[in-house]
Amino acid sequence: MDRRSPGTVPLSGRLRAFVLLLVGILLVYAAIIVIDDFTVSGAPKVAVLGALLVGAAWTRRHSSARLAAFGVVSAVLVLVVLAVSVAGPVRLAFGVSGAAMVLLSVGTVAMLIATLAAVRRVDFSTVLGVLCVYLLIALIFAALGQVGAAFQYGQDQFVRGVVGPPSPSDLLYFSVITLCTVGYGDIAPVSAVARALAVIEALVGQLYLVSIVAAVIAGWQVGGTARAERKDR
């Protein structure tokens, strides 16, 4: 039986949506890693992120008009990134692609948080939603790094440990390592902007794990224990 929470789709629909969102985020990760040329992968990545935004908004039961508005905004951003990648200078294309990814990723995170906040009980869909937010946080900081690096494109001043300007793959790797606070040190921030982003991301990553993720997992375990006890009675 599907359980509804105010303002959200039924549990079965929410679960399918979160699975698709997770797959979409992983596809963006794969595109960044495999297709390191951002002029080729920029528009497809933005298109997938636009679809994720619409999907996340759907889980919050937004009206058809609002979903259509999100779709139009996403399509416009895809066209802008595509046009700049084809006709604009490399530096501008690098920054515009990153900015579009930031906007769509932040919007998706906001929609997911609104959906998760409206859910009354912790279930598997909640765990998937929290995981999607965590992966998107790393993507947001990687895209912010791309915007920051665009202002210094062609200069080895944003991060060190890479050959030439950092690529989207370099920035995603650095972002994930920073978010997890692994700190290999093979890529390190150099500019003030890069250092500020690294500090903020490390703090966000740790606070997210020890607060949000810990609370969700604890609630999931408590819910599972309660269900098991009811079955035993």
C-alpha atoms as a PDB file:
ATOM      1  CA  MET A   1       0.000   0.000   0.000  1.00  0.00           C
ATOM      2  CA  ASP A   2       1.365   3.413  -0.972  1.00  0.00           C
ATOM      3  CA  ARG A   3       1.735   5.909   1.834  1.00  0.00           C
ATOM      4  CA  ARG A   4       1.268   9.572   1.054  1.00  0.00           C
ATOM      5  CA  SER A   5       2.834  12.544   2.757  1.00  0.00           C
ATOM      6  CA  PRO A   6       1.438  16.069   2.290  1.00  0.00           C
ATOM      7  CA  GLY A   7       2.818  17.581  -0.895  1.00  0.00           C
ATOM      8  CA  THR A   8       4.626  14.448  -2.103  1.00  0.00           C
ATOM      9  CA  VAL A   9       3.851  11.642  -4.533  1.00  0.00           C
ATOM     10  CA  PRO A  10       3.014   8.143  -3.201  1.00  0.00           C
ATOM     11  CA  LEU A  11       5.829   6.015  -1.833  1.00  0.00           C
ATOM     12  CA  SER A  12       6.059   3.739  -4.890  1.00  0.00           C
ATOM     13  CA  GLY A  13       6.272   6.697  -7.274  1.00  0.00           C
ATOM     14  CA  ARG A  14       8.761   8.491  -5.056  1.00  0.00           C
ATOM     15  CA  LEU A  15      10.954   5.397  -4.887  1.00  0.00           C
ATOM     16  CA  ARG A  16      11.021   5.028  -8.683  1.00  0.00           C
ATOM     17  CA  ALA A  17      11.732   8.738  -9.076  1.00  0.00           C
ATOM     18  CA  PHE A  18      14.659   8.658  -6.645  1.00  0.00           C
ATOM     19  CA  VAL A  19      16.125   5.596  -8.369  1.00  0.00           C
ATOM     20  CA  LEU A  20      15.945   7.405 -11.717  1.00  0.00           C
ATOM     21  CA  LEU A  21      17.446  10.536 -10.154  1.00  0.00           C
ATOM     22  CA  LEU A  22      20.339   8.482  -8.777  1.00  0.00           C
ATOM     23  CA  VAL A  23      20.924   6.895 -12.191  1.00  0.00           C
ATOM     24  CA  GLY A  24      20.857  10.331 -13.828  1.00  0.00           C
ATOM     25  CA  ILE A  25      23.400  11.746 -11.378  1.00  0.00           C
ATOM     26  CA  LEU A  26      25.700   8.780 -11.988  1.00  0.00           C
ATOM     27  CA  LEU A  27      25.357   9.355 -15.742  1.00  0.00           C
ATOM     28  CA  VAL A  28      26.521  12.953 -15.272  1.00  0.00           C
ATOM     29  CA  TYR A  29      29.477  11.687 -13.222  1.00  0.00           C
ATOM     30  CA  ALA A  30      30.318   9.177 -15.969  1.00  0.00           C
ATOM     31  CA  ALA A  31      30.069  11.850 -18.679  1.00  0.00           C
ATOM     32  CA  ILE A  32      32.455  14.118 -16.777  1.00  0.00           C
ATOM     33  CA  ILE A  33      34.962  11.308 -16.224  1.00  0.00           C
ATOM     34  CA  VAL A  34      34.788   9.618 -19.628  1.00  0.00           C
ATOM     35  CA  ILE A  35      34.246  12.660 -21.890  1.00  0.00           C
ATOM     36  CA  ASP A  36      36.796  15.101 -20.552  1.00  0.00           C
ATOM     37  CA  ASP A  37      36.169  17.606 -23.369  1.00  0.00           C
ATOM     38  CA  PHE A  38      33.598  19.946 -21.799  1.00  0.00           C
ATOM     39  CA  THR A  39      32.766  21.493 -25.194  1.00  0.00           C
ATOM     40  CA  VAL A  40      31.369  18.094 -26.200  1.00  0.00           C
ATOM     41  CA  SER A  41      29.834  16.971 -22.907  1.00  0.00           C
ATOM     42  CA  GLY A  42      28.664  20.354 -21.610  1.00  0.00           C
ATOM     43  CA  ALA A  43      25.222  20.504 -23.240  1.00  0.00           C
ATOM     44  CA  PRO A  44      24.356  16.807 -22.598  1.00  0.00           C
ATOM     45  CA  LYS A  45      25.310  17.172 -18.918  1.00  0.00           C
ATOM     46  CA  VAL A  46      23.140  20.250 -18.574  1.00  0.00           C
ATOM     47  CA  ALA A  47      20.284  18.443 -20.342  1.00  0.00           C
ATOM     48  CA  VAL A  48      20.453  15.530 -17.905  1.00  0.00           C
ATOM     49  CA  LEU A  49      20.604  17.899 -14.931  1.00  0.00           C
ATOM     50  CA  GLY A  50      17.574  19.740 -16.306  1.00  0.00           C
ATOM     51  CA  ALA A  51      15.684  16.445 -16.457  1.00  0.00           C
ATOM     52  CA  LEU A  52      16.749  15.742 -12.877  1.00  0.00           C
ATOM     53  CA  LEU A  53      15.371  19.117 -11.779  1.00  0.00           C
ATOM     54  CA  VAL A  54      12.000  18.363 -13.375  1.00  0.00           C
ATOM     55  CA  GLY A  55      11.985  14.879 -11.837  1.00  0.00           C
ATOM     56  CA  ALA A  56      12.814  16.225  -8.383  1.00  0.00           C
ATOM     57  CA  ALA A  57      10.077  18.851  -8.712  1.00  0.00           C
ATOM     58  CA  TRP A  58       7.610  16.117  -9.682  1.00  0.00           C
ATOM     59  CA  THR A  59       8.213  14.294  -6.395  1.00  0.00           C
ATOM     60  CA  ARG A  60       7.077  17.469  -4.628  1.00  0.00           C
ATOM     61  CA  ARG A  61       3.776  17.354  -6.565  1.00  0.00           C
ATOM     62  CA  HIS A  62       4.281  20.681  -8.293  1.00  0.00           C
ATOM     63  CA  SER A  63       1.682  21.746 -10.836  1.00  0.00           C
ATOM     64  CA  SER A  64       2.050  20.912 -14.510  1.00  0.00           C
ATOM     65  CA  ALA A  65       2.627  24.587 -15.263  1.00  0.00           C
ATOM     66  CA  ARG A  66       5.528  24.774 -12.824  1.00  0.00           C
ATOM     67  CA  LEU A  67       7.039  21.559 -14.150  1.00  0.00           C
ATOM     68  CA  ALA A  68       6.764  22.970 -17.669  1.00  0.00           C
ATOM     69  CA  ALA A  69       8.487  26.164 -16.481  1.00  0.00           C
ATOM     70  CA  PHE A  70      11.367  24.138 -15.067  1.00  0.00           C
ATOM     71  CA  GLY A  71      11.577  22.290 -18.375  1.00  0.00           C
ATOM     72  CA  VAL A  72      11.702  25.541 -20.348  1.00  0.00           C
ATOM     73  CA  VAL A  73      14.428  26.965 -18.115  1.00  0.00           C
ATOM     74  CA  SER A  74      16.447  23.767 -18.498  1.00  0.00           C
ATOM     75  CA  ALA A  75      16.036  23.830 -22.288  1.00  0.00           C
ATOM     76  CA  VAL A  76      17.161  27.465 -22.445  1.00  0.00           C
ATOM     77  CA  LEU A  77      20.269  26.669 -20.398  1.00  0.00           C
ATOM     78  CA  VAL A  78      21.064  23.721 -22.683  1.00  0.00           C
ATOM     79  CA  LEU A  79      20.799  25.965 -25.759  1.00  0.00           C
ATOM     80  CA  VAL A  80      22.954  28.671 -24.154  1.00  0.00           C
ATOM     81  CA  VAL A  81      25.663  26.170 -23.218  1.00  0.00           C
ATOM     82  CA  LEU A  82      25.533  24.600 -26.679  1.00  0.00           C
ATOM     83  CA  ALA A  83      25.768  27.975 -28.430  1.00  0.00           C
ATOM     84  CA  VAL A  84      28.650  29.198 -26.285  1.00  0.00           C
ATOM     85  CA  SER A  85      30.485  25.873 -26.662  1.00  0.00           C
ATOM     86  CA  VAL A  86      30.233  26.098 -30.450  1.00  0.00           C
ATOM     87  CA  ALA A  87      30.792  29.811 -31.053  1.00  0.00           C
ATOM     88  CA  GLY A  88      32.242  31.280 -27.869  1.00  0.00           C
ATOM     89  CA  PRO A  89      35.782  31.355 -26.507  1.00  0.00           C
ATOM     90  CA  VAL A  90      36.963  28.357 -24.492  1.00  0.00           C
ATOM     91  CA  ARG A  91      37.169  30.316 -21.265  1.00  0.00           C
ATOM     92  CA  LEU A  92      33.581  31.574 -21.555  1.00  0.00           C
ATOM     93  CA  ALA A  93      32.261  28.132 -22.498  1.00  0.00           C
ATOM     94  CA  PHE A  94      34.021  26.624 -19.497  1.00  0.00           C
ATOM     95  CA  GLY A  95      32.445  29.111 -17.098  1.00  0.00           C
ATOM     96  CA  VAL A  96      28.956  29.114 -18.620  1.00  0.00           C
ATOM     97  CA  SER A  97      28.798  25.326 -18.562  1.00  0.00           C
ATOM     98  CA  GLY A  98      29.779  25.308 -14.900  1.00  0.00           C
ATOM     99  CA  ALA A  99      27.294  28.056 -14.002  1.00  0.00           C
ATOM    100  CA  ALA A 100      24.433  26.194 -15.687  1.00  0.00           C
ATOM    101  CA  MET A 101      25.334  23.027 -13.789  1.00  0.00           C
ATOM    102  CA  VAL A 102      25.393  24.952 -10.510  1.00  0.00           C
ATOM    103  CA  LEU A 103      21.940  26.453 -11.097  1.00  0.00           C
ATOM    104  CA  LEU A 104      20.294  23.166 -12.053  1.00  0.00           C
ATOM    105  CA  SER A 105      22.038  21.140  -9.338  1.00  0.00           C
ATOM    106  CA  VAL A 106      21.118  23.634  -6.618  1.00  0.00           C
ATOM    107  CA  GLY A 107      17.521  23.647  -7.837  1.00  0.00           C
ATOM    108  CA  THR A 108      17.413  19.855  -7.772  1.00  0.00           C
ATOM    109  CA  VAL A 109      18.843  19.742  -4.242  1.00  0.00           C
ATOM    110  CA  ALA A 110      16.236  22.292  -3.090  1.00  0.00           C
ATOM    111  CA  MET A 111      13.415  20.178  -4.546  1.00  0.00           C
ATOM    112  CA  LEU A 112      14.774  16.992  -2.986  1.00  0.00           C
ATOM    113  CA  ILE A 113      15.135  18.625   0.419  1.00  0.00           C
ATOM    114  CA  ALA A 114      11.552  19.907   0.213  1.00  0.00           C
ATOM    115  CA  THR A 115      10.312  16.415  -0.639  1.00  0.00           C
ATOM    116  CA  LEU A 116      12.346  14.716   2.079  1.00  0.00           C
ATOM    117  CA  ALA A 117      11.226  17.264   4.674  1.00  0.00           C
ATOM    118  CA  ALA A 118       7.585  16.511   3.851  1.00  0.00           C
ATOM    119  CA  VAL A 119       7.981  12.734   4.235  1.00  0.00           C
ATOM    120  CA  ARG A 120       6.742  11.634   7.655  1.00  0.00           C
ATOM    121  CA  ARG A 121       8.679   8.389   7.952  1.00  0.00           C
ATOM    122  CA  VAL A 122      12.135   7.178   6.964  1.00  0.00           C
ATOM    123  CA  ASP A 123      12.057   4.492   4.285  1.00  0.00           C
ATOM    124  CA  PHE A 124      14.305   3.290   1.481  1.00  0.00           C
ATOM    125  CA  SER A 125      13.215   6.166  -0.765  1.00  0.00           C
ATOM    126  CA  THR A 126      14.376   8.606   1.925  1.00  0.00           C
ATOM    127  CA  VAL A 127      17.785   6.951   2.014  1.00  0.00           C
ATOM    128  CA  LEU A 128      18.040   7.201  -1.778  1.00  0.00           C
ATOM    129  CA  GLY A 129      17.018  10.858  -1.667  1.00  0.00           C
ATOM    130  CA  VAL A 130      19.683  11.652   0.925  1.00  0.00           C
ATOM    131  CA  LEU A 131      22.272   9.847  -1.220  1.00  0.00           C
ATOM    132  CA  CYS A 132      21.222  11.866  -4.279  1.00  0.00           C
ATOM    133  CA  VAL A 133      21.678  15.106  -2.336  1.00  0.00           C
ATOM    134  CA  TYR A 134      25.154  14.026  -1.208  1.00  0.00           C
ATOM    135  CA  LEU A 135      26.267  13.258  -4.765  1.00  0.00           C
ATOM    136  CA  LEU A 136      24.799  16.525  -5.997  1.00  0.00           C
ATOM    137  CA  ILE A 137      26.715  18.486  -3.364  1.00  0.00           C
ATOM    138  CA  ALA A 138      29.978  17.162  -4.813  1.00  0.00           C
ATOM    139  CA  LEU A 139      28.746  18.064  -8.295  1.00  0.00           C
ATOM    140  CA  ILE A 140      27.798  21.582  -7.204  1.00  0.00           C
ATOM    141  CA  PHE A 141      31.247  22.292  -5.792  1.00  0.00           C
ATOM    142  CA  ALA A 142      32.919  20.796  -8.872  1.00  0.00           C
ATOM    143  CA  ALA A 143      30.832  23.125 -11.044  1.00  0.00           C
ATOM    144  CA  LEU A 144      31.611  26.087  -8.768  1.00  0.00           C
ATOM    145  CA  GLY A 145      35.269  25.213  -9.176  1.00  0.00           C
ATOM    146  CA  GLN A 146      34.733  25.239 -12.928  1.00  0.00           C
ATOM    147  CA  VAL A 147      33.285  28.756 -12.715  1.00  0.00           C
ATOM    148  CA  GLY A 148      36.173  29.898 -10.528  1.00  0.00           C
ATOM    149  CA  ALA A 149      38.763  28.308 -12.785  1.00  0.00           C
ATOM    150  CA  ALA A 150      37.197  30.017 -15.817  1.00  0.00           C
ATOM    151  CA  PHE A 151      38.412  33.373 -14.516  1.00  0.00           C
ATOM    152  CA  GLN A 152      41.959  31.999 -14.521  1.00  0.00           C
ATOM    153  CA  TYR A 153      41.664  29.722 -17.552  1.00  0.00           C
ATOM    154  CA  GLY A 154      45.045  29.197 -19.205  1.00  0.00           C
ATOM    155  CA  GLN A 155      46.876  29.948 -15.974  1.00  0.00           C
ATOM    156  CA  ASP A 156      48.021  27.344 -13.450  1.00  0.00           C
ATOM    157  CA  GLN A 157      46.739  29.376 -10.520  1.00  0.00           C
ATOM    158  CA  PHE A 158      43.465  27.755  -9.458  1.00  0.00           C
ATOM    159  CA  VAL A 159      44.699  24.319  -8.378  1.00  0.00           C
ATOM    160  CA  ARG A 160      48.046  22.570  -8.664  1.00  0.00           C
ATOM    161  CA  GLY A 161      48.704  18.956  -9.518  1.00  0.00           C
ATOM    162  CA  VAL A 162      47.155  19.078 -13.005  1.00  0.00           C
ATOM    163  CA  VAL A 163      48.694  19.740 -16.391  1.00  0.00           C
ATOM    164  CA  GLY A 164      47.426  23.061 -17.699  1.00  0.00           C
ATOM    165  CA  PRO A 165      43.956  24.363 -16.756  1.00  0.00           C
ATOM    166  CA  PRO A 166      41.925  21.924 -14.640  1.00  0.00           C
ATOM    167  CA  SER A 167      39.409  19.852 -16.570  1.00  0.00           C
ATOM    168  CA  PRO A 168      35.867  19.035 -15.348  1.00  0.00           C
ATOM    169  CA  SER A 169      37.170  15.560 -14.499  1.00  0.00           C
ATOM    170  CA  ASP A 170      39.983  17.044 -12.377  1.00  0.00           C
ATOM    171  CA  LEU A 171      37.540  19.314 -10.563  1.00  0.00           C
ATOM    172  CA  LEU A 172      35.023  16.537  -9.911  1.00  0.00           C
ATOM    173  CA  TYR A 173      37.779  14.316  -8.526  1.00  0.00           C
ATOM    174  CA  PHE A 174      39.034  17.146  -6.316  1.00  0.00           C
ATOM    175  CA  SER A 175      35.481  17.898  -5.181  1.00  0.00           C
ATOM    176  CA  VAL A 176      34.676  14.304  -4.202  1.00  0.00           C
ATOM    177  CA  ILE A 177      37.998  13.885  -2.387  1.00  0.00           C
ATOM    178  CA  THR A 178      37.387  17.142  -0.512  1.00  0.00           C
ATOM    179  CA  LEU A 179      33.766  16.302   0.340  1.00  0.00           C
ATOM    180  CA  CYS A 180      34.871  12.956   1.775  1.00  0.00           C
ATOM    181  CA  THR A 181      37.821  14.697   3.520  1.00  0.00           C
ATOM    182  CA  VAL A 182      40.204  12.054   2.157  1.00  0.00           C
ATOM    183  CA  GLY A 183      42.883  14.607   1.308  1.00  0.00           C
ATOM    184  CA  TYR A 184      45.271  12.735  -0.984  1.00  0.00           C
ATOM    185  CA  GLY A 185      47.042  15.982  -1.795  1.00  0.00           C
ATOM    186  CA  ASP A 186      47.709  15.139  -5.454  1.00  0.00           C
ATOM    187  CA  ILE A 187      45.465  18.069  -6.431  1.00  0.00           C
ATOM    188  CA  ALA A 188      45.560  21.036  -4.071  1.00  0.00           C
ATOM    189  CA  PRO A 189      43.888  24.472  -4.115  1.00  0.00           C
ATOM    190  CA  VAL A 190      46.093  27.437  -4.903  1.00  0.00           C
ATOM    191  CA  SER A 191      43.907  30.507  -5.362  1.00  0.00           C
ATOM    192  CA  ALA A 192      41.885  32.075  -2.556  1.00  0.00           C
ATOM    193  CA  VAL A 193      38.634  31.082  -4.282  1.00  0.00           C
ATOM    194  CA  ALA A 194      39.709  27.452  -4.594  1.00  0.00           C
ATOM    195  CA  ARG A 195      40.758  27.338  -0.948  1.00  0.00           C
ATOM    196  CA  ALA A 196      37.487  28.901   0.189  1.00  0.00           C
ATOM    197  CA  LEU A 197      35.482  26.364  -1.808  1.00  0.00           C
ATOM    198  CA  ALA A 198      37.558  23.511  -0.380  1.00  0.00           C
ATOM    199  CA  VAL A 199      37.027  24.682   3.202  1.00  0.00           C
ATOM    200  CA  ILE A 200      33.277  25.134   2.766  1.00  0.00           C
ATOM    201  CA  GLU A 201      32.878  21.784   0.996  1.00  0.00           C
ATOM    202  CA  ALA A 202      34.848  19.889   3.639  1.00  0.00           C
ATOM    203  CA  LEU A 203      32.688  21.396   6.391  1.00  0.00           C
ATOM    204  CA  VAL A 204      29.459  20.730   4.496  1.00  0.00           C
ATOM    205  CA  GLY A 205      30.495  17.149   3.810  1.00  0.00           C
ATOM    206  CA  GLN A 206      31.288  16.383   7.430  1.00  0.00           C
ATOM    207  CA  LEU A 207      28.214  18.140   8.835  1.00  0.00           C
ATOM    208  CA  TYR A 208      25.984  16.376   6.308  1.00  0.00           C
ATOM    209  CA  LEU A 209      27.327  12.949   7.238  1.00  0.00           C
ATOM    210  CA  VAL A 210      27.255  13.374  11.014  1.00  0.00           C
ATOM    211  CA  SER A 211      23.839  15.047  11.107  1.00  0.00           C
ATOM    212  CA  ILE A 212      21.542  14.365   8.147  1.00  0.00           C
ATOM    213  CA  VAL A 213      22.834  10.955   7.088  1.00  0.00           C
ATOM    214  CA  ALA A 214      23.233   9.758  10.678  1.00  0.00           C
ATOM    215  CA  ALA A 215      19.674  10.851  11.563  1.00  0.00           C
ATOM    216  CA  VAL A 216      18.196   9.197   8.466  1.00  0.00           C
ATOM    217  CA  ILE A 217      20.018   5.908   9.015  1.00  0.00           C
ATOM    218  CA  ALA A 218      19.050   5.911  12.694  1.00  0.00           C
ATOM    219  CA  GLY A 219      15.415   6.556  11.788  1.00  0.00           C
ATOM    220  CA  TRP A 220      15.512   3.816   9.169  1.00  0.00           C
ATOM    221  CA  GLN A 221      16.907   1.324  11.677  1.00  0.00           C
ATOM    222  CA  VAL A 222      14.338   2.298  14.300  1.00  0.00           C
ATOM    223  CA  GLY A 223      11.544   1.934  11.754  1.00  0.00           C
ATOM    224  CA  GLY A 224      12.829  -1.464  10.696  1.00  0.00           C
ATOM    225  CA  THR A 225      13.018  -2.617  14.325  1.00  0.00           C
ATOM    226  CA  ALA A 226       9.481  -1.417  15.032  1.00  0.00           C
ATOM    227  CA  ARG A 227       8.114  -3.250  11.996  1.00  0.00           C
ATOM    228  CA  ALA A 228       9.919  -6.431  13.027  1.00  0.00           C
ATOM    229  CA  GLU A 229       8.465  -6.186  16.525  1.00  0.00           C
ATOM    230  CA  ARG A 230       4.948  -5.773  15.162  1.00  0.00           C
ATOM    231  CA  LYS A 231       5.368  -8.872  13.025  1.00  0.00           C
ATOM    232  CA  ASP A 232       6.506 -10.912  16.025  1.00  0.00           C
ATOM    233  CA  ARG A 233       3.397 -10.044  18.020  1.00  0.00           C
END
